[in-house]
Amino acid sequence: MKEVVEILARALVDQPDKVSVNMIERDKSCLIELKVAPEDMGKVIGKQGRIARAIRTVAKAAAAKQRKKVTVEIV
């Protein structure tokens, strides 16, 4: 899941070297924190949050295979 979010984020931004993904695991859930450069924040969020919603949907689909719940936060 972490790798999926990282690949998607690096493809979207202008400064892929400043993309940082941190994953905090719990029992049946995990939290993924996505950090990007301030200039690239709008590209990751998208108009009306559509790209952020799409990233969360893909992460949830990857987590469903492992029977976990995932939360993606863009910091």
N, C-alpha and C. Protein backbone atom coordinates (compact mmCIF):
# COMPACT_ATOMS: atom_id res chain seq x y z
N MET A 1 0.82 -1.19 0.00
CA MET A 1 0.00 0.00 0.00
C MET A 1 0.87 1.25 0.00
N LYS A 2 1.89 1.24 0.80
CA LYS A 2 2.79 2.39 0.89
C LYS A 2 3.44 2.65 -0.48
N GLU A 3 3.86 1.59 -1.13
CA GLU A 3 4.52 1.74 -2.43
C GLU A 3 3.56 2.29 -3.48
N VAL A 4 2.31 1.86 -3.43
CA VAL A 4 1.31 2.32 -4.40
C VAL A 4 1.10 3.82 -4.27
N VAL A 5 0.95 4.29 -3.04
CA VAL A 5 0.74 5.71 -2.80
C VAL A 5 1.97 6.51 -3.23
N GLU A 6 3.15 5.97 -2.94
CA GLU A 6 4.38 6.67 -3.30
C GLU A 6 4.54 6.77 -4.82
N ILE A 7 4.26 5.71 -5.54
CA ILE A 7 4.38 5.74 -7.00
C ILE A 7 3.40 6.73 -7.60
N LEU A 8 2.17 6.74 -7.12
CA LEU A 8 1.17 7.68 -7.63
C LEU A 8 1.58 9.12 -7.36
N ALA A 9 2.05 9.39 -6.15
CA ALA A 9 2.42 10.76 -5.78
C ALA A 9 3.63 11.23 -6.58
N ARG A 10 4.62 10.38 -6.75
CA ARG A 10 5.81 10.78 -7.52
C ARG A 10 5.47 11.08 -8.98
N ALA A 11 4.48 10.40 -9.51
CA ALA A 11 4.07 10.63 -10.90
C ALA A 11 3.34 11.95 -11.07
N LEU A 12 2.74 12.46 -10.01
CA LEU A 12 1.93 13.66 -10.10
C LEU A 12 2.70 14.96 -9.89
N VAL A 13 3.74 14.94 -9.08
CA VAL A 13 4.40 16.17 -8.64
C VAL A 13 5.56 16.57 -9.53
N ASP A 14 5.98 17.84 -9.37
CA ASP A 14 7.14 18.35 -10.10
C ASP A 14 8.45 18.01 -9.41
N GLN A 15 8.41 17.83 -8.09
CA GLN A 15 9.60 17.52 -7.31
C GLN A 15 9.45 16.14 -6.65
N PRO A 16 9.65 15.07 -7.42
CA PRO A 16 9.42 13.72 -6.86
C PRO A 16 10.40 13.35 -5.75
N ASP A 17 11.55 14.02 -5.67
CA ASP A 17 12.51 13.70 -4.61
C ASP A 17 12.04 14.20 -3.25
N LYS A 18 11.06 15.10 -3.20
CA LYS A 18 10.55 15.60 -1.93
C LYS A 18 9.30 14.87 -1.46
N VAL A 19 8.94 13.79 -2.13
CA VAL A 19 7.79 12.99 -1.71
C VAL A 19 8.24 12.04 -0.60
N SER A 20 7.48 12.05 0.49
CA SER A 20 7.78 11.19 1.62
C SER A 20 6.49 10.49 2.05
N VAL A 21 6.58 9.17 2.21
CA VAL A 21 5.42 8.38 2.63
C VAL A 21 5.79 7.62 3.89
N ASN A 22 4.98 7.79 4.93
CA ASN A 22 5.19 7.13 6.20
C ASN A 22 3.97 6.28 6.51
N MET A 23 4.20 5.03 6.91
CA MET A 23 3.08 4.13 7.19
C MET A 23 3.12 3.69 8.64
N ILE A 24 2.00 3.90 9.34
CA ILE A 24 1.87 3.51 10.73
C ILE A 24 0.83 2.39 10.79
N GLU A 25 1.27 1.20 11.20
CA GLU A 25 0.37 0.05 11.22
C GLU A 25 -0.22 -0.18 12.60
N ARG A 26 -1.47 -0.59 12.60
CA ARG A 26 -2.17 -0.97 13.81
C ARG A 26 -2.67 -2.39 13.60
N ASP A 27 -3.57 -2.86 14.43
CA ASP A 27 -4.05 -4.24 14.33
C ASP A 27 -4.68 -4.54 12.97
N LYS A 28 -5.82 -3.93 12.70
CA LYS A 28 -6.53 -4.19 11.45
C LYS A 28 -6.62 -2.96 10.57
N SER A 29 -5.80 -1.96 10.86
CA SER A 29 -5.83 -0.75 10.06
C SER A 29 -4.43 -0.16 9.98
N CYS A 30 -4.26 0.77 9.08
CA CYS A 30 -2.99 1.48 8.99
C CYS A 30 -3.23 2.90 8.50
N LEU A 31 -2.31 3.78 8.87
CA LEU A 31 -2.37 5.18 8.51
C LEU A 31 -1.19 5.48 7.60
N ILE A 32 -1.47 6.05 6.44
CA ILE A 32 -0.41 6.43 5.50
C ILE A 32 -0.36 7.94 5.44
N GLU A 33 0.80 8.51 5.79
CA GLU A 33 0.99 9.95 5.73
C GLU A 33 1.81 10.28 4.49
N LEU A 34 1.25 11.14 3.64
CA LEU A 34 1.90 11.54 2.41
C LEU A 34 2.34 12.99 2.55
N LYS A 35 3.64 13.22 2.39
CA LYS A 35 4.19 14.58 2.48
C LYS A 35 4.80 14.93 1.13
N VAL A 36 4.47 16.12 0.63
CA VAL A 36 5.02 16.62 -0.62
C VAL A 36 5.49 18.05 -0.41
N ALA A 37 6.18 18.59 -1.39
CA ALA A 37 6.62 19.98 -1.33
C ALA A 37 5.39 20.89 -1.33
N PRO A 38 5.47 22.02 -0.66
CA PRO A 38 4.31 22.93 -0.61
C PRO A 38 3.80 23.36 -1.99
N GLU A 39 4.70 23.49 -2.95
CA GLU A 39 4.30 23.88 -4.30
C GLU A 39 3.49 22.80 -5.00
N ASP A 40 3.69 21.55 -4.60
CA ASP A 40 3.03 20.42 -5.25
C ASP A 40 1.76 19.98 -4.53
N MET A 41 1.40 20.64 -3.46
CA MET A 41 0.24 20.24 -2.67
C MET A 41 -1.04 20.27 -3.52
N GLY A 42 -1.21 21.29 -4.33
CA GLY A 42 -2.40 21.40 -5.17
C GLY A 42 -2.50 20.30 -6.21
N LYS A 43 -1.36 19.85 -6.70
CA LYS A 43 -1.37 18.78 -7.70
C LYS A 43 -1.78 17.45 -7.10
N VAL A 44 -1.44 17.23 -5.84
CA VAL A 44 -1.80 15.98 -5.18
C VAL A 44 -3.26 15.99 -4.74
N ILE A 45 -3.75 17.17 -4.36
CA ILE A 45 -5.15 17.27 -3.92
C ILE A 45 -6.09 17.32 -5.11
N GLY A 46 -5.76 18.12 -6.12
CA GLY A 46 -6.60 18.22 -7.31
C GLY A 46 -7.80 19.12 -7.11
N LYS A 47 -8.52 19.35 -8.18
CA LYS A 47 -9.71 20.19 -8.12
C LYS A 47 -10.78 19.48 -7.31
N GLN A 48 -11.28 20.19 -6.31
CA GLN A 48 -12.30 19.68 -5.40
C GLN A 48 -11.90 18.36 -4.74
N GLY A 49 -10.60 18.11 -4.62
CA GLY A 49 -10.12 16.91 -3.94
C GLY A 49 -10.25 15.63 -4.73
N ARG A 50 -10.42 15.73 -6.03
CA ARG A 50 -10.64 14.52 -6.83
C ARG A 50 -9.43 13.60 -6.87
N ILE A 51 -8.24 14.16 -7.02
CA ILE A 51 -7.04 13.31 -7.09
C ILE A 51 -6.76 12.68 -5.73
N ALA A 52 -6.94 13.45 -4.66
CA ALA A 52 -6.76 12.90 -3.31
C ALA A 52 -7.74 11.76 -3.07
N ARG A 53 -8.97 11.93 -3.52
CA ARG A 53 -9.99 10.89 -3.36
C ARG A 53 -9.60 9.65 -4.16
N ALA A 54 -9.04 9.85 -5.35
CA ALA A 54 -8.63 8.71 -6.18
C ALA A 54 -7.47 7.96 -5.54
N ILE A 55 -6.52 8.69 -4.95
CA ILE A 55 -5.39 8.05 -4.27
C ILE A 55 -5.91 7.22 -3.10
N ARG A 56 -6.85 7.77 -2.36
CA ARG A 56 -7.42 7.04 -1.22
C ARG A 56 -8.16 5.79 -1.68
N THR A 57 -8.87 5.88 -2.81
CA THR A 57 -9.61 4.73 -3.33
C THR A 57 -8.67 3.61 -3.75
N VAL A 58 -7.57 3.95 -4.40
CA VAL A 58 -6.60 2.94 -4.82
C VAL A 58 -5.95 2.30 -3.60
N ALA A 59 -5.63 3.11 -2.60
CA ALA A 59 -5.02 2.57 -1.38
C ALA A 59 -6.00 1.64 -0.66
N LYS A 60 -7.28 2.00 -0.62
CA LYS A 60 -8.27 1.14 0.02
C LYS A 60 -8.44 -0.17 -0.73
N ALA A 61 -8.35 -0.13 -2.05
CA ALA A 61 -8.45 -1.36 -2.84
C ALA A 61 -7.26 -2.28 -2.56
N ALA A 62 -6.07 -1.69 -2.44
CA ALA A 62 -4.89 -2.50 -2.12
C ALA A 62 -4.99 -3.07 -0.71
N ALA A 63 -5.57 -2.31 0.21
CA ALA A 63 -5.70 -2.78 1.59
C ALA A 63 -6.77 -3.86 1.72
N ALA A 64 -7.75 -3.82 0.86
CA ALA A 64 -8.84 -4.81 0.93
C ALA A 64 -8.31 -6.22 0.69
N LYS A 65 -7.28 -6.37 -0.12
CA LYS A 65 -6.70 -7.68 -0.36
C LYS A 65 -6.09 -8.25 0.91
N GLN A 66 -5.59 -7.36 1.78
CA GLN A 66 -4.97 -7.80 3.03
C GLN A 66 -5.96 -7.73 4.19
N ARG A 67 -7.22 -7.44 3.89
CA ARG A 67 -8.29 -7.33 4.89
C ARG A 67 -7.95 -6.33 5.98
N LYS A 68 -7.47 -5.17 5.55
CA LYS A 68 -7.16 -4.08 6.46
C LYS A 68 -7.89 -2.83 6.01
N LYS A 69 -8.02 -1.88 6.90
CA LYS A 69 -8.57 -0.59 6.57
C LYS A 69 -7.42 0.39 6.51
N VAL A 70 -7.48 1.30 5.58
CA VAL A 70 -6.38 2.25 5.41
C VAL A 70 -6.94 3.67 5.39
N THR A 71 -6.15 4.57 5.95
CA THR A 71 -6.46 6.00 5.93
C THR A 71 -5.26 6.72 5.34
N VAL A 72 -5.50 7.56 4.34
CA VAL A 72 -4.42 8.32 3.72
C VAL A 72 -4.59 9.79 4.10
N GLU A 73 -3.55 10.34 4.73
CA GLU A 73 -3.55 11.75 5.09
C GLU A 73 -2.48 12.47 4.29
N ILE A 74 -2.85 13.59 3.72
CA ILE A 74 -1.90 14.40 2.97
C ILE A 74 -1.47 15.52 3.89
N VAL A 75 -0.18 15.52 4.24
CA VAL A 75 0.34 16.48 5.22
C VAL A 75 1.15 17.55 4.50
